[in-house]
ModelCIF file with pLDDT and N, C-alpha, C, O atoms, coordinates in Angstrom:
data_MODEL
#
_entry.id   MODEL 
#
_entity.id                         1 
_entity.type                       polymer 
_entity.pdbx_number_of_molecules   1 
#
_entity_poly.entity_id                      1 
_entity_poly.type                           'polypeptide(L)' 
_entity_poly.nstd_linkage                   no 
_entity_poly.nstd_monomer                   no 
_entity_poly.pdbx_seq_one_letter_code       DSVKDRFTISRDNAKNTVYLQMNSLKPEDTAVYYCASTGNRLWGRAVV 
_entity_poly.pdbx_seq_one_letter_code_can   DSVKDRFTISRDNAKNTVYLQMNSLKPEDTAVYYCASTGNRLWGRAVV 
_entity_poly.pdbx_strand_id                 A 
#
loop_
_entity_poly_seq.entity_id 
_entity_poly_seq.num 
_entity_poly_seq.mon_id 
_entity_poly_seq.hetero 
1 1  ASP n 
1 2  SER n 
1 3  VAL n 
1 4  LYS n 
1 5  ASP n 
1 6  ARG n 
1 7  PHE n 
1 8  THR n 
1 9  ILE n 
1 10 SER n 
1 11 ARG n 
1 12 ASP n 
1 13 ASN n 
1 14 ALA n 
1 15 LYS n 
1 16 ASN n 
1 17 THR n 
1 18 VAL n 
1 19 TYR n 
1 20 LEU n 
1 21 GLN n 
1 22 MET n 
1 23 ASN n 
1 24 SER n 
1 25 LEU n 
1 26 LYS n 
1 27 PRO n 
1 28 GLU n 
1 29 ASP n 
1 30 THR n 
1 31 ALA n 
1 32 VAL n 
1 33 TYR n 
1 34 TYR n 
1 35 CYS n 
1 36 ALA n 
1 37 SER n 
1 38 THR n 
1 39 GLY n 
1 40 ASN n 
1 41 ARG n 
1 42 LEU n 
1 43 TRP n 
1 44 GLY n 
1 45 ARG n 
1 46 ALA n 
1 47 VAL n 
1 48 VAL n 
#
_struct_asym.id          A 
_struct_asym.entity_id   1 
#
loop_
_ma_qa_metric.id 
_ma_qa_metric.mode 
_ma_qa_metric.name 
_ma_qa_metric.software_group_id 
_ma_qa_metric.type 
1 global pLDDT . pLDDT 
2 local  pLDDT . pLDDT 
#
_ma_qa_metric_global.metric_id      1 
_ma_qa_metric_global.metric_value   95.40 
_ma_qa_metric_global.model_id       1 
_ma_qa_metric_global.ordinal_id     1 
#
loop_
_ma_qa_metric_local.label_asym_id 
_ma_qa_metric_local.label_comp_id 
_ma_qa_metric_local.label_seq_id 
_ma_qa_metric_local.metric_id 
_ma_qa_metric_local.metric_value 
_ma_qa_metric_local.model_id 
_ma_qa_metric_local.ordinal_id 
A ASP 1  2 97.00 1 1  
A SER 2  2 97.00 1 2  
A VAL 3  2 98.00 1 3  
A LYS 4  2 97.00 1 4  
A ASP 5  2 96.00 1 5  
A ARG 6  2 98.00 1 6  
A PHE 7  2 98.00 1 7  
A THR 8  2 98.00 1 8  
A ILE 9  2 98.00 1 9  
A SER 10 2 98.00 1 10 
A ARG 11 2 97.00 1 11 
A ASP 12 2 96.00 1 12 
A ASN 13 2 93.00 1 13 
A ALA 14 2 93.00 1 14 
A LYS 15 2 95.00 1 15 
A ASN 16 2 95.00 1 16 
A THR 17 2 97.00 1 17 
A VAL 18 2 98.00 1 18 
A TYR 19 2 98.00 1 19 
A LEU 20 2 98.00 1 20 
A GLN 21 2 98.00 1 21 
A MET 22 2 98.00 1 22 
A ASN 23 2 98.00 1 23 
A SER 24 2 98.00 1 24 
A LEU 25 2 98.00 1 25 
A LYS 26 2 98.00 1 26 
A PRO 27 2 97.00 1 27 
A GLU 28 2 97.00 1 28 
A ASP 29 2 98.00 1 29 
A THR 30 2 98.00 1 30 
A ALA 31 2 98.00 1 31 
A VAL 32 2 98.00 1 32 
A TYR 33 2 98.00 1 33 
A TYR 34 2 98.00 1 34 
A CYS 35 2 98.00 1 35 
A ALA 36 2 97.00 1 36 
A SER 37 2 96.00 1 37 
A THR 38 2 93.00 1 38 
A GLY 39 2 84.00 1 39 
A ASN 40 2 75.00 1 40 
A ARG 41 2 84.00 1 41 
A LEU 42 2 88.00 1 42 
A TRP 43 2 93.00 1 43 
A GLY 44 2 92.00 1 44 
A ARG 45 2 93.00 1 45 
A ALA 46 2 93.00 1 46 
A VAL 47 2 93.00 1 47 
A VAL 48 2 95.00 1 48 
#
loop_
_atom_site.group_PDB 
_atom_site.id 
_atom_site.type_symbol 
_atom_site.label_atom_id 
_atom_site.label_alt_id 
_atom_site.label_comp_id 
_atom_site.label_asym_id 
_atom_site.label_entity_id 
_atom_site.label_seq_id 
_atom_site.pdbx_PDB_ins_code 
_atom_site.Cartn_x 
_atom_site.Cartn_y 
_atom_site.Cartn_z 
_atom_site.occupancy 
_atom_site.B_iso_or_equiv 
_atom_site.pdbx_formal_charge 
_atom_site.auth_seq_id 
_atom_site.auth_comp_id 
_atom_site.auth_asym_id 
_atom_site.auth_atom_id 
_atom_site.pdbx_PDB_model_num 
ATOM 1   N N  . ASP A 1 1  ? -17.763 -4.895  -9.377  1.00 97.00 ? 1  ASP A N  1 
ATOM 2   C CA . ASP A 1 1  ? -18.576 -6.058  -9.017  1.00 97.00 ? 1  ASP A CA 1 
ATOM 3   C C  . ASP A 1 1  ? -17.697 -7.276  -8.733  1.00 97.00 ? 1  ASP A C  1 
ATOM 4   O O  . ASP A 1 1  ? -18.063 -8.132  -7.928  1.00 97.00 ? 1  ASP A O  1 
ATOM 5   N N  . SER A 1 2  ? -16.545 -7.354  -9.389  1.00 97.00 ? 2  SER A N  1 
ATOM 6   C CA . SER A 1 2  ? -15.698 -8.537  -9.248  1.00 97.00 ? 2  SER A CA 1 
ATOM 7   C C  . SER A 1 2  ? -15.000 -8.621  -7.893  1.00 97.00 ? 2  SER A C  1 
ATOM 8   O O  . SER A 1 2  ? -14.550 -9.697  -7.500  1.00 97.00 ? 2  SER A O  1 
ATOM 9   N N  . VAL A 1 3  ? -14.902 -7.507  -7.176  1.00 98.00 ? 3  VAL A N  1 
ATOM 10  C CA . VAL A 1 3  ? -14.203 -7.521  -5.893  1.00 98.00 ? 3  VAL A CA 1 
ATOM 11  C C  . VAL A 1 3  ? -15.099 -7.154  -4.725  1.00 98.00 ? 3  VAL A C  1 
ATOM 12  O O  . VAL A 1 3  ? -14.704 -7.285  -3.567  1.00 98.00 ? 3  VAL A O  1 
ATOM 13  N N  . LYS A 1 4  ? -16.300 -6.696  -5.025  1.00 97.00 ? 4  LYS A N  1 
ATOM 14  C CA . LYS A 1 4  ? -17.214 -6.290  -3.957  1.00 97.00 ? 4  LYS A CA 1 
ATOM 15  C C  . LYS A 1 4  ? -17.430 -7.444  -2.992  1.00 97.00 ? 4  LYS A C  1 
ATOM 16  O O  . LYS A 1 4  ? -17.578 -8.591  -3.413  1.00 97.00 ? 4  LYS A O  1 
ATOM 17  N N  . ASP A 1 5  ? -17.448 -7.147  -1.721  1.00 96.00 ? 5  ASP A N  1 
ATOM 18  C CA . ASP A 1 5  ? -17.628 -8.104  -0.632  1.00 96.00 ? 5  ASP A CA 1 
ATOM 19  C C  . ASP A 1 5  ? -16.368 -8.896  -0.325  1.00 96.00 ? 5  ASP A C  1 
ATOM 20  O O  . ASP A 1 5  ? -16.354 -9.677  0.627   1.00 96.00 ? 5  ASP A O  1 
ATOM 21  N N  . ARG A 1 6  ? -15.310 -8.713  -1.106  1.00 98.00 ? 6  ARG A N  1 
ATOM 22  C CA . ARG A 1 6  ? -14.031 -9.366  -0.798  1.00 98.00 ? 6  ARG A CA 1 
ATOM 23  C C  . ARG A 1 6  ? -12.931 -8.355  -0.480  1.00 98.00 ? 6  ARG A C  1 
ATOM 24  O O  . ARG A 1 6  ? -12.065 -8.615  0.355   1.00 98.00 ? 6  ARG A O  1 
ATOM 25  N N  . PHE A 1 7  ? -12.969 -7.197  -1.152  1.00 98.00 ? 7  PHE A N  1 
ATOM 26  C CA . PHE A 1 7  ? -11.953 -6.170  -0.964  1.00 98.00 ? 7  PHE A CA 1 
ATOM 27  C C  . PHE A 1 7  ? -12.539 -5.000  -0.181  1.00 98.00 ? 7  PHE A C  1 
ATOM 28  O O  . PHE A 1 7  ? -13.737 -4.725  -0.255  1.00 98.00 ? 7  PHE A O  1 
ATOM 29  N N  . THR A 1 8  ? -11.678 -4.317  0.569   1.00 98.00 ? 8  THR A N  1 
ATOM 30  C CA . THR A 1 8  ? -12.088 -3.127  1.306   1.00 98.00 ? 8  THR A CA 1 
ATOM 31  C C  . THR A 1 8  ? -11.043 -2.042  1.137   1.00 98.00 ? 8  THR A C  1 
ATOM 32  O O  . THR A 1 8  ? -9.865  -2.259  1.421   1.00 98.00 ? 8  THR A O  1 
ATOM 33  N N  . ILE A 1 9  ? -11.470 -0.874  0.676   1.00 98.00 ? 9  ILE A N  1 
ATOM 34  C CA . ILE A 1 9  ? -10.584 0.272   0.564   1.00 98.00 ? 9  ILE A CA 1 
ATOM 35  C C  . ILE A 1 9  ? -10.787 1.163   1.782   1.00 98.00 ? 9  ILE A C  1 
ATOM 36  O O  . ILE A 1 9  ? -11.913 1.355   2.241   1.00 98.00 ? 9  ILE A O  1 
ATOM 37  N N  . SER A 1 10 ? -9.698  1.701   2.297   1.00 98.00 ? 10 SER A N  1 
ATOM 38  C CA . SER A 1 10 ? -9.770  2.607   3.434   1.00 98.00 ? 10 SER A CA 1 
ATOM 39  C C  . SER A 1 10 ? -8.620  3.597   3.339   1.00 98.00 ? 10 SER A C  1 
ATOM 40  O O  . SER A 1 10 ? -7.720  3.433   2.516   1.00 98.00 ? 10 SER A O  1 
ATOM 41  N N  . ARG A 1 11 ? -8.650  4.619   4.173   1.00 97.00 ? 11 ARG A N  1 
ATOM 42  C CA . ARG A 1 11 ? -7.597  5.615   4.141   1.00 97.00 ? 11 ARG A CA 1 
ATOM 43  C C  . ARG A 1 11 ? -7.363  6.176   5.527   1.00 97.00 ? 11 ARG A C  1 
ATOM 44  O O  . ARG A 1 11 ? -8.244  6.157   6.386   1.00 97.00 ? 11 ARG A O  1 
ATOM 45  N N  . ASP A 1 12 ? -6.153  6.675   5.723   1.00 96.00 ? 12 ASP A N  1 
ATOM 46  C CA . ASP A 1 12 ? -5.778  7.369   6.946   1.00 96.00 ? 12 ASP A CA 1 
ATOM 47  C C  . ASP A 1 12 ? -5.177  8.700   6.500   1.00 96.00 ? 12 ASP A C  1 
ATOM 48  O O  . ASP A 1 12 ? -4.014  8.765   6.104   1.00 96.00 ? 12 ASP A O  1 
ATOM 49  N N  . ASN A 1 13 ? -5.970  9.744   6.569   1.00 93.00 ? 13 ASN A N  1 
ATOM 50  C CA . ASN A 1 13 ? -5.503  11.042  6.074   1.00 93.00 ? 13 ASN A CA 1 
ATOM 51  C C  . ASN A 1 13 ? -4.367  11.611  6.924   1.00 93.00 ? 13 ASN A C  1 
ATOM 52  O O  . ASN A 1 13 ? -3.564  12.408  6.439   1.00 93.00 ? 13 ASN A O  1 
ATOM 53  N N  . ALA A 1 14 ? -4.303  11.206  8.176   1.00 93.00 ? 14 ALA A N  1 
ATOM 54  C CA . ALA A 1 14 ? -3.217  11.674  9.035   1.00 93.00 ? 14 ALA A CA 1 
ATOM 55  C C  . ALA A 1 14 ? -1.882  11.082  8.603   1.00 93.00 ? 14 ALA A C  1 
ATOM 56  O O  . ALA A 1 14 ? -0.827  11.659  8.867   1.00 93.00 ? 14 ALA A O  1 
ATOM 57  N N  . LYS A 1 15 ? -1.930  9.926   7.936   1.00 95.00 ? 15 LYS A N  1 
ATOM 58  C CA . LYS A 1 15 ? -0.711  9.259   7.492   1.00 95.00 ? 15 LYS A CA 1 
ATOM 59  C C  . LYS A 1 15 ? -0.511  9.343   5.986   1.00 95.00 ? 15 LYS A C  1 
ATOM 60  O O  . LYS A 1 15 ? 0.431   8.757   5.453   1.00 95.00 ? 15 LYS A O  1 
ATOM 61  N N  . ASN A 1 16 ? -1.384  10.063  5.297   1.00 95.00 ? 16 ASN A N  1 
ATOM 62  C CA . ASN A 1 16 ? -1.304  10.161  3.827   1.00 95.00 ? 16 ASN A CA 1 
ATOM 63  C C  . ASN A 1 16 ? -1.243  8.777   3.184   1.00 95.00 ? 16 ASN A C  1 
ATOM 64  O O  . ASN A 1 16 ? -0.422  8.530   2.301   1.00 95.00 ? 16 ASN A O  1 
ATOM 65  N N  . THR A 1 17 ? -2.106  7.894   3.627   1.00 97.00 ? 17 THR A N  1 
ATOM 66  C CA . THR A 1 17 ? -2.034  6.510   3.197   1.00 97.00 ? 17 THR A CA 1 
ATOM 67  C C  . THR A 1 17 ? -3.419  5.985   2.862   1.00 97.00 ? 17 THR A C  1 
ATOM 68  O O  . THR A 1 17 ? -4.404  6.309   3.526   1.00 97.00 ? 17 THR A O  1 
ATOM 69  N N  . VAL A 1 18 ? -3.476  5.164   1.814   1.00 98.00 ? 18 VAL A N  1 
ATOM 70  C CA . VAL A 1 18 ? -4.702  4.459   1.454   1.00 98.00 ? 18 VAL A CA 1 
ATOM 71  C C  . VAL A 1 18 ? -4.383  2.980   1.399   1.00 98.00 ? 18 VAL A C  1 
ATOM 72  O O  . VAL A 1 18 ? -3.282  2.586   1.016   1.00 98.00 ? 18 VAL A O  1 
ATOM 73  N N  . TYR A 1 19 ? -5.341  2.170   1.778   1.00 98.00 ? 19 TYR A N  1 
ATOM 74  C CA . TYR A 1 19 ? -5.157  0.729   1.878   1.00 98.00 ? 19 TYR A CA 1 
ATOM 75  C C  . TYR A 1 19 ? -6.161  -0.006  0.996   1.00 98.00 ? 19 TYR A C  1 
ATOM 76  O O  . TYR A 1 19 ? -7.239  0.501   0.685   1.00 98.00 ? 19 TYR A O  1 
ATOM 77  N N  . LEU A 1 20 ? -5.778  -1.196  0.612   1.00 98.00 ? 20 LEU A N  1 
ATOM 78  C CA . LEU A 1 20 ? -6.708  -2.099  -0.057  1.00 98.00 ? 20 LEU A CA 1 
ATOM 79  C C  . LEU A 1 20 ? -6.556  -3.468  0.597   1.00 98.00 ? 20 LEU A C  1 
ATOM 80  O O  . LEU A 1 20 ? -5.587  -4.185  0.347   1.00 98.00 ? 20 LEU A O  1 
ATOM 81  N N  . GLN A 1 21 ? -7.514  -3.814  1.426   1.00 98.00 ? 21 GLN A N  1 
ATOM 82  C CA . GLN A 1 21 ? -7.532  -5.130  2.057   1.00 98.00 ? 21 GLN A CA 1 
ATOM 83  C C  . GLN A 1 21 ? -8.212  -6.105  1.114   1.00 98.00 ? 21 GLN A C  1 
ATOM 84  O O  . GLN A 1 21 ? -9.369  -5.920  0.735   1.00 98.00 ? 21 GLN A O  1 
ATOM 85  N N  . MET A 1 22 ? -7.485  -7.142  0.742   1.00 98.00 ? 22 MET A N  1 
ATOM 86  C CA . MET A 1 22 ? -8.001  -8.110  -0.228  1.00 98.00 ? 22 MET A CA 1 
ATOM 87  C C  . MET A 1 22 ? -8.130  -9.464  0.446   1.00 98.00 ? 22 MET A C  1 
ATOM 88  O O  . MET A 1 22 ? -7.134  -10.052 0.866   1.00 98.00 ? 22 MET A O  1 
ATOM 89  N N  . ASN A 1 23 ? -9.344  -9.955  0.548   1.00 98.00 ? 23 ASN A N  1 
ATOM 90  C CA . ASN A 1 23 ? -9.613  -11.248 1.161   1.00 98.00 ? 23 ASN A CA 1 
ATOM 91  C C  . ASN A 1 23 ? -10.138 -12.222 0.120   1.00 98.00 ? 23 ASN A C  1 
ATOM 92  O O  . ASN A 1 23 ? -10.564 -11.822 -0.964  1.00 98.00 ? 23 ASN A O  1 
ATOM 93  N N  . SER A 1 24 ? -10.102 -13.484 0.455   1.00 98.00 ? 24 SER A N  1 
ATOM 94  C CA . SER A 1 24 ? -10.625 -14.538 -0.426  1.00 98.00 ? 24 SER A CA 1 
ATOM 95  C C  . SER A 1 24 ? -10.103 -14.382 -1.848  1.00 98.00 ? 24 SER A C  1 
ATOM 96  O O  . SER A 1 24 ? -10.871 -14.404 -2.810  1.00 98.00 ? 24 SER A O  1 
ATOM 97  N N  . LEU A 1 25 ? -8.810  -14.227 -1.968  1.00 98.00 ? 25 LEU A N  1 
ATOM 98  C CA . LEU A 1 25 ? -8.210  -13.977 -3.276  1.00 98.00 ? 25 LEU A CA 1 
ATOM 99  C C  . LEU A 1 25 ? -8.389  -15.162 -4.212  1.00 98.00 ? 25 LEU A C  1 
ATOM 100 O O  . LEU A 1 25 ? -8.385  -16.322 -3.802  1.00 98.00 ? 25 LEU A O  1 
ATOM 101 N N  . LYS A 1 26 ? -8.548  -14.819 -5.489  1.00 98.00 ? 26 LYS A N  1 
ATOM 102 C CA . LYS A 1 26 ? -8.761  -15.809 -6.536  1.00 98.00 ? 26 LYS A CA 1 
ATOM 103 C C  . LYS A 1 26 ? -7.670  -15.663 -7.597  1.00 98.00 ? 26 LYS A C  1 
ATOM 104 O O  . LYS A 1 26 ? -7.060  -14.599 -7.698  1.00 98.00 ? 26 LYS A O  1 
ATOM 105 N N  . PRO A 1 27 ? -7.412  -16.692 -8.378  1.00 97.00 ? 27 PRO A N  1 
ATOM 106 C CA . PRO A 1 27 ? -6.413  -16.563 -9.449  1.00 97.00 ? 27 PRO A CA 1 
ATOM 107 C C  . PRO A 1 27 ? -6.714  -15.409 -10.401 1.00 97.00 ? 27 PRO A C  1 
ATOM 108 O O  . PRO A 1 27 ? -5.790  -14.786 -10.925 1.00 97.00 ? 27 PRO A O  1 
ATOM 109 N N  . GLU A 1 28 ? -7.972  -15.120 -10.629 1.00 97.00 ? 28 GLU A N  1 
ATOM 110 C CA . GLU A 1 28 ? -8.337  -14.024 -11.537 1.00 97.00 ? 28 GLU A CA 1 
ATOM 111 C C  . GLU A 1 28 ? -8.040  -12.644 -10.956 1.00 97.00 ? 28 GLU A C  1 
ATOM 112 O O  . GLU A 1 28 ? -8.170  -11.644 -11.660 1.00 97.00 ? 28 GLU A O  1 
ATOM 113 N N  . ASP A 1 29 ? -7.646  -12.572 -9.693  1.00 98.00 ? 29 ASP A N  1 
ATOM 114 C CA . ASP A 1 29 ? -7.209  -11.312 -9.102  1.00 98.00 ? 29 ASP A CA 1 
ATOM 115 C C  . ASP A 1 29 ? -5.742  -11.017 -9.421  1.00 98.00 ? 29 ASP A C  1 
ATOM 116 O O  . ASP A 1 29 ? -5.243  -9.940  -9.094  1.00 98.00 ? 29 ASP A O  1 
ATOM 117 N N  . THR A 1 30 ? -5.063  -11.945 -10.045 1.00 98.00 ? 30 THR A N  1 
ATOM 118 C CA . THR A 1 30 ? -3.660  -11.748 -10.403 1.00 98.00 ? 30 THR A CA 1 
ATOM 119 C C  . THR A 1 30 ? -3.519  -10.586 -11.362 1.00 98.00 ? 30 THR A C  1 
ATOM 120 O O  . THR A 1 30 ? -4.147  -10.565 -12.421 1.00 98.00 ? 30 THR A O  1 
ATOM 121 N N  . ALA A 1 31 ? -2.691  -9.614  -10.992 1.00 98.00 ? 31 ALA A N  1 
ATOM 122 C CA . ALA A 1 31 ? -2.510  -8.406  -11.792 1.00 98.00 ? 31 ALA A CA 1 
ATOM 123 C C  . ALA A 1 31 ? -1.484  -7.511  -11.115 1.00 98.00 ? 31 ALA A C  1 
ATOM 124 O O  . ALA A 1 31 ? -1.064  -7.761  -9.986  1.00 98.00 ? 31 ALA A O  1 
ATOM 125 N N  . VAL A 1 32 ? -1.095  -6.471  -11.824 1.00 98.00 ? 32 VAL A N  1 
ATOM 126 C CA . VAL A 1 32 ? -0.364  -5.373  -11.205 1.00 98.00 ? 32 VAL A CA 1 
ATOM 127 C C  . VAL A 1 32 ? -1.407  -4.380  -10.691 1.00 98.00 ? 32 VAL A C  1 
ATOM 128 O O  . VAL A 1 32 ? -2.295  -3.957  -11.431 1.00 98.00 ? 32 VAL A O  1 
ATOM 129 N N  . TYR A 1 33 ? -1.288  -4.024  -9.440  1.00 98.00 ? 33 TYR A N  1 
ATOM 130 C CA . TYR A 1 33 ? -2.241  -3.118  -8.808  1.00 98.00 ? 33 TYR A CA 1 
ATOM 131 C C  . TYR A 1 33 ? -1.627  -1.725  -8.696  1.00 98.00 ? 33 TYR A C  1 
ATOM 132 O O  . TYR A 1 33 ? -0.495  -1.554  -8.243  1.00 98.00 ? 33 TYR A O  1 
ATOM 133 N N  . TYR A 1 34 ? -2.409  -0.739  -9.122  1.00 98.00 ? 34 TYR A N  1 
ATOM 134 C CA . TYR A 1 34 ? -1.954  0.644   -9.136  1.00 98.00 ? 34 TYR A CA 1 
ATOM 135 C C  . TYR A 1 34 ? -2.821  1.502   -8.230  1.00 98.00 ? 34 TYR A C  1 
ATOM 136 O O  . TYR A 1 34 ? -4.041  1.350   -8.175  1.00 98.00 ? 34 TYR A O  1 
ATOM 137 N N  . CYS A 1 35 ? -2.173  2.388   -7.539  1.00 98.00 ? 35 CYS A N  1 
ATOM 138 C CA . CYS A 1 35 ? -2.832  3.409   -6.739  1.00 98.00 ? 35 CYS A CA 1 
ATOM 139 C C  . CYS A 1 35 ? -2.875  4.687   -7.573  1.00 98.00 ? 35 CYS A C  1 
ATOM 140 O O  . CYS A 1 35 ? -1.928  4.979   -8.304  1.00 98.00 ? 35 CYS A O  1 
ATOM 141 N N  . ALA A 1 36 ? -3.963  5.449   -7.472  1.00 97.00 ? 36 ALA A N  1 
ATOM 142 C CA . ALA A 1 36 ? -4.092  6.676   -8.246  1.00 97.00 ? 36 ALA A CA 1 
ATOM 143 C C  . ALA A 1 36 ? -4.808  7.735   -7.424  1.00 97.00 ? 36 ALA A C  1 
ATOM 144 O O  . ALA A 1 36 ? -5.590  7.424   -6.526  1.00 97.00 ? 36 ALA A O  1 
ATOM 145 N N  . SER A 1 37 ? -4.528  8.987   -7.746  1.00 96.00 ? 37 SER A N  1 
ATOM 146 C CA . SER A 1 37 ? -5.161  10.085  -7.021  1.00 96.00 ? 37 SER A CA 1 
ATOM 147 C C  . SER A 1 37 ? -5.701  11.127  -7.996  1.00 96.00 ? 37 SER A C  1 
ATOM 148 O O  . SER A 1 37 ? -5.172  11.324  -9.090  1.00 96.00 ? 37 SER A O  1 
ATOM 149 N N  . THR A 1 38 ? -6.765  11.781  -7.561  1.00 93.00 ? 38 THR A N  1 
ATOM 150 C CA . THR A 1 38 ? -7.309  12.889  -8.326  1.00 93.00 ? 38 THR A CA 1 
ATOM 151 C C  . THR A 1 38 ? -7.776  13.963  -7.359  1.00 93.00 ? 38 THR A C  1 
ATOM 152 O O  . THR A 1 38 ? -8.345  13.650  -6.313  1.00 93.00 ? 38 THR A O  1 
ATOM 153 N N  . GLY A 1 39 ? -7.542  15.221  -7.696  1.00 84.00 ? 39 GLY A N  1 
ATOM 154 C CA . GLY A 1 39 ? -7.900  16.325  -6.817  1.00 84.00 ? 39 GLY A CA 1 
ATOM 155 C C  . GLY A 1 39 ? -9.244  16.906  -7.171  1.00 84.00 ? 39 GLY A C  1 
ATOM 156 O O  . GLY A 1 39 ? -10.078 16.247  -7.791  1.00 84.00 ? 39 GLY A O  1 
ATOM 157 N N  . ASN A 1 40 ? -9.448  18.139  -6.776  1.00 75.00 ? 40 ASN A N  1 
ATOM 158 C CA . ASN A 1 40 ? -10.672 18.884  -7.074  1.00 75.00 ? 40 ASN A CA 1 
ATOM 159 C C  . ASN A 1 40 ? -11.920 18.228  -6.497  1.00 75.00 ? 40 ASN A C  1 
ATOM 160 O O  . ASN A 1 40 ? -13.037 18.482  -6.950  1.00 75.00 ? 40 ASN A O  1 
ATOM 161 N N  . ARG A 1 41 ? -11.715 17.380  -5.492  1.00 84.00 ? 41 ARG A N  1 
ATOM 162 C CA . ARG A 1 41 ? -12.842 16.750  -4.785  1.00 84.00 ? 41 ARG A CA 1 
ATOM 163 C C  . ARG A 1 41 ? -13.813 16.070  -5.754  1.00 84.00 ? 41 ARG A C  1 
ATOM 164 O O  . ARG A 1 41 ? -15.030 16.169  -5.597  1.00 84.00 ? 41 ARG A O  1 
ATOM 165 N N  . LEU A 1 42 ? -13.262 15.383  -6.754  1.00 88.00 ? 42 LEU A N  1 
ATOM 166 C CA . LEU A 1 42 ? -14.112 14.657  -7.697  1.00 88.00 ? 42 LEU A CA 1 
ATOM 167 C C  . LEU A 1 42 ? -14.769 13.478  -7.016  1.00 88.00 ? 42 LEU A C  1 
ATOM 168 O O  . LEU A 1 42 ? -14.171 12.809  -6.173  1.00 88.00 ? 42 LEU A O  1 
ATOM 169 N N  . TRP A 1 43 ? -16.008 13.237  -7.396  1.00 93.00 ? 43 TRP A N  1 
ATOM 170 C CA . TRP A 1 43 ? -16.721 12.055  -6.888  1.00 93.00 ? 43 TRP A CA 1 
ATOM 171 C C  . TRP A 1 43 ? -17.845 11.712  -7.857  1.00 93.00 ? 43 TRP A C  1 
ATOM 172 O O  . TRP A 1 43 ? -18.123 12.456  -8.797  1.00 93.00 ? 43 TRP A O  1 
ATOM 173 N N  . GLY A 1 44 ? -18.477 10.585  -7.614  1.00 92.00 ? 44 GLY A N  1 
ATOM 174 C CA . GLY A 1 44 ? -19.533 10.085  -8.488  1.00 92.00 ? 44 GLY A CA 1 
ATOM 175 C C  . GLY A 1 44 ? -19.052 8.841   -9.212  1.00 92.00 ? 44 GLY A C  1 
ATOM 176 O O  . GLY A 1 44 ? -17.934 8.814   -9.727  1.00 92.00 ? 44 GLY A O  1 
ATOM 177 N N  . ARG A 1 45 ? -19.882 7.817   -9.255  1.00 93.00 ? 45 ARG A N  1 
ATOM 178 C CA . ARG A 1 45 ? -19.474 6.533   -9.824  1.00 93.00 ? 45 ARG A CA 1 
ATOM 179 C C  . ARG A 1 45 ? -19.028 6.673   -11.275 1.00 93.00 ? 45 ARG A C  1 
ATOM 180 O O  . ARG A 1 45 ? -18.040 6.059   -11.678 1.00 93.00 ? 45 ARG A O  1 
ATOM 181 N N  . ALA A 1 46 ? -19.734 7.462   -12.052 1.00 93.00 ? 46 ALA A N  1 
ATOM 182 C CA . ALA A 1 46 ? -19.401 7.593   -13.476 1.00 93.00 ? 46 ALA A CA 1 
ATOM 183 C C  . ALA A 1 46 ? -18.046 8.247   -13.679 1.00 93.00 ? 46 ALA A C  1 
ATOM 184 O O  . ALA A 1 46 ? -17.434 8.090   -14.735 1.00 93.00 ? 46 ALA A O  1 
ATOM 185 N N  . VAL A 1 47 ? -17.571 8.977   -12.679 1.00 93.00 ? 47 VAL A N  1 
ATOM 186 C CA . VAL A 1 47 ? -16.297 9.695   -12.787 1.00 93.00 ? 47 VAL A CA 1 
ATOM 187 C C  . VAL A 1 47 ? -15.148 8.881   -12.228 1.00 93.00 ? 47 VAL A C  1 
ATOM 188 O O  . VAL A 1 47 ? -14.174 8.625   -12.937 1.00 93.00 ? 47 VAL A O  1 
ATOM 189 N N  . VAL A 1 48 ? -15.235 8.478   -11.000 1.00 95.00 ? 48 VAL A N  1 
ATOM 190 C CA . VAL A 1 48 ? -14.062 7.923   -10.311 1.00 95.00 ? 48 VAL A CA 1 
ATOM 191 C C  . VAL A 1 48 ? -13.821 6.455   -10.596 1.00 95.00 ? 48 VAL A C  1 
ATOM 192 O O  . VAL A 1 48 ? -12.868 5.873   -10.078 1.00 95.00 ? 48 VAL A O  1 
#
């Protein structure tokens, strides 16, 4: 909820790359940002 409407996640499977576009940044967005992956085609809000 804290980033919805400001951040956009996207991916390019041909380039093995995922992006996080961050707009309208706020001081409370200050942090170390980590990328993570999980296999087995997991999905669902409660899981991912």
